[in-house]
Amino acid sequence: MNPYAFVTAKKHDPVSHPSHYCAGGIETIDIVKAKMPPERFRGFLQGNVIKYVTRAEFKGKQLEDLKKAAWYLERLITELEKDKEA
């Protein structure tokens, strides 16, 4: 049985929902968030924004990497808005 069968049923989206980040039935980002205090998770998100922006032009998938940076930035904004409401 394909361990990724439950994931491949969804449309593969290398930016918002990479199938290799969902093995085991839970997104890696959700595991990371659950294991870190909020301020460290926000730092993780910010670090990923920096990582994807600074290496985008060197990997051959510039647009995809910039979209990934935007995804992490949007997630960071969402986390900050949640904190503000709490």
C-alpha atoms as a PDB file:
ATOM      1  CA  MET A   1       0.000   0.000   0.000  1.00  0.00           C
ATOM      2  CA  ASN A   2       1.229   3.466  -0.875  1.00  0.00           C
ATOM      3  CA  PRO A   3       1.871   5.383   2.404  1.00  0.00           C
ATOM      4  CA  TYR A   4       1.006   8.609   0.565  1.00  0.00           C
ATOM      5  CA  ALA A   5      -2.295   7.316  -0.846  1.00  0.00           C
ATOM      6  CA  PHE A   6      -4.423   9.505   1.402  1.00  0.00           C
ATOM      7  CA  VAL A   7      -2.403  12.543   0.312  1.00  0.00           C
ATOM      8  CA  THR A   8      -2.279  11.902  -3.418  1.00  0.00           C
ATOM      9  CA  ALA A   9      -6.062  11.955  -3.526  1.00  0.00           C
ATOM     10  CA  LYS A  10      -5.775  15.726  -3.103  1.00  0.00           C
ATOM     11  CA  LYS A  11      -4.398  17.875  -5.889  1.00  0.00           C
ATOM     12  CA  HIS A  12      -0.660  18.273  -5.394  1.00  0.00           C
ATOM     13  CA  ASP A  13       0.204  21.871  -4.564  1.00  0.00           C
ATOM     14  CA  PRO A  14       3.949  22.375  -4.100  1.00  0.00           C
ATOM     15  CA  VAL A  15       3.370  25.738  -2.386  1.00  0.00           C
ATOM     16  CA  SER A  16       0.364  25.465  -0.077  1.00  0.00           C
ATOM     17  CA  HIS A  17       0.045  21.733   0.467  1.00  0.00           C
ATOM     18  CA  PRO A  18       3.135  19.712  -0.546  1.00  0.00           C
ATOM     19  CA  SER A  19       2.290  16.025  -0.360  1.00  0.00           C
ATOM     20  CA  HIS A  20       5.653  15.157   1.222  1.00  0.00           C
ATOM     21  CA  TYR A  21       4.780  17.436   4.181  1.00  0.00           C
ATOM     22  CA  CYS A  22       1.619  15.442   4.946  1.00  0.00           C
ATOM     23  CA  ALA A  23       2.906  11.908   5.428  1.00  0.00           C
ATOM     24  CA  GLY A  24       1.325  10.357   8.487  1.00  0.00           C
ATOM     25  CA  GLY A  25      -1.900  12.323   8.160  1.00  0.00           C
ATOM     26  CA  ILE A  26      -0.748  15.613   9.685  1.00  0.00           C
ATOM     27  CA  GLU A  27       1.005  18.557   8.079  1.00  0.00           C
ATOM     28  CA  THR A  28       4.547  19.126   9.275  1.00  0.00           C
ATOM     29  CA  ILE A  29       3.788  22.797   9.962  1.00  0.00           C
ATOM     30  CA  ASP A  30       1.120  21.736  12.474  1.00  0.00           C
ATOM     31  CA  ILE A  31       3.598  19.486  14.291  1.00  0.00           C
ATOM     32  CA  VAL A  32       6.156  22.297  14.428  1.00  0.00           C
ATOM     33  CA  LYS A  33       3.554  24.718  15.800  1.00  0.00           C
ATOM     34  CA  ALA A  34       2.432  22.220  18.452  1.00  0.00           C
ATOM     35  CA  LYS A  35       6.006  21.722  19.679  1.00  0.00           C
ATOM     36  CA  MET A  36       7.072  25.377  19.903  1.00  0.00           C
ATOM     37  CA  PRO A  37       6.072  28.337  22.033  1.00  0.00           C
ATOM     38  CA  PRO A  38       4.248  30.970  19.936  1.00  0.00           C
ATOM     39  CA  GLU A  39       7.216  33.344  19.705  1.00  0.00           C
ATOM     40  CA  ARG A  40       9.525  30.581  18.437  1.00  0.00           C
ATOM     41  CA  PHE A  41       6.928  29.449  15.895  1.00  0.00           C
ATOM     42  CA  ARG A  42       6.657  33.016  14.610  1.00  0.00           C
ATOM     43  CA  GLY A  43      10.455  33.077  14.296  1.00  0.00           C
ATOM     44  CA  PHE A  44      10.327  29.822  12.360  1.00  0.00           C
ATOM     45  CA  LEU A  45       7.813  31.352   9.952  1.00  0.00           C
ATOM     46  CA  GLN A  46       9.879  34.513   9.558  1.00  0.00           C
ATOM     47  CA  GLY A  47      13.013  32.459   8.941  1.00  0.00           C
ATOM     48  CA  ASN A  48      11.274  30.572   6.156  1.00  0.00           C
ATOM     49  CA  VAL A  49      10.204  33.845   4.525  1.00  0.00           C
ATOM     50  CA  ILE A  50      13.848  34.968   4.519  1.00  0.00           C
ATOM     51  CA  LYS A  51      15.082  31.575   3.304  1.00  0.00           C
ATOM     52  CA  TYR A  52      12.748  31.367   0.321  1.00  0.00           C
ATOM     53  CA  VAL A  53      13.219  35.000  -0.740  1.00  0.00           C
ATOM     54  CA  THR A  54      17.011  34.956  -0.577  1.00  0.00           C
ATOM     55  CA  ARG A  55      17.518  31.708  -2.485  1.00  0.00           C
ATOM     56  CA  ALA A  56      14.664  32.043  -4.992  1.00  0.00           C
ATOM     57  CA  GLU A  57      16.742  33.141  -7.953  1.00  0.00           C
ATOM     58  CA  PHE A  58      19.330  30.396  -7.491  1.00  0.00           C
ATOM     59  CA  LYS A  59      17.260  27.195  -7.509  1.00  0.00           C
ATOM     60  CA  GLY A  60      15.574  27.413 -10.893  1.00  0.00           C
ATOM     61  CA  LYS A  61      12.076  27.759  -9.433  1.00  0.00           C
ATOM     62  CA  GLN A  62      12.048  31.442  -8.570  1.00  0.00           C
ATOM     63  CA  LEU A  63       8.297  31.975  -8.845  1.00  0.00           C
ATOM     64  CA  GLU A  64       7.526  28.874  -6.774  1.00  0.00           C
ATOM     65  CA  ASP A  65       9.973  29.907  -4.041  1.00  0.00           C
ATOM     66  CA  LEU A  66       8.552  33.438  -3.932  1.00  0.00           C
ATOM     67  CA  LYS A  67       5.065  31.959  -3.579  1.00  0.00           C
ATOM     68  CA  LYS A  68       6.355  29.808  -0.710  1.00  0.00           C
ATOM     69  CA  ALA A  69       7.796  32.918   0.932  1.00  0.00           C
ATOM     70  CA  ALA A  70       4.420  34.624   0.526  1.00  0.00           C
ATOM     71  CA  TRP A  71       2.691  31.576   2.064  1.00  0.00           C
ATOM     72  CA  TYR A  72       4.925  31.724   5.144  1.00  0.00           C
ATOM     73  CA  LEU A  73       4.480  35.494   5.389  1.00  0.00           C
ATOM     74  CA  GLU A  74       0.698  35.128   5.224  1.00  0.00           C
ATOM     75  CA  ARG A  75       0.845  32.435   7.909  1.00  0.00           C
ATOM     76  CA  LEU A  76       2.983  34.744  10.086  1.00  0.00           C
ATOM     77  CA  ILE A  77       0.471  37.565   9.631  1.00  0.00           C
ATOM     78  CA  THR A  78      -2.363  35.206  10.579  1.00  0.00           C
ATOM     79  CA  GLU A  79      -0.513  34.096  13.725  1.00  0.00           C
ATOM     80  CA  LEU A  80       0.138  37.721  14.735  1.00  0.00           C
ATOM     81  CA  GLU A  81      -3.516  38.619  14.180  1.00  0.00           C
ATOM     82  CA  LYS A  82      -4.594  35.673  16.369  1.00  0.00           C
ATOM     83  CA  ASP A  83      -2.217  36.822  19.113  1.00  0.00           C
ATOM     84  CA  LYS A  84      -3.600  40.353  18.907  1.00  0.00           C
ATOM     85  CA  GLU A  85      -7.186  39.082  19.310  1.00  0.00           C
ATOM     86  CA  ALA A  86      -6.309  36.913  22.324  1.00  0.00           C
END
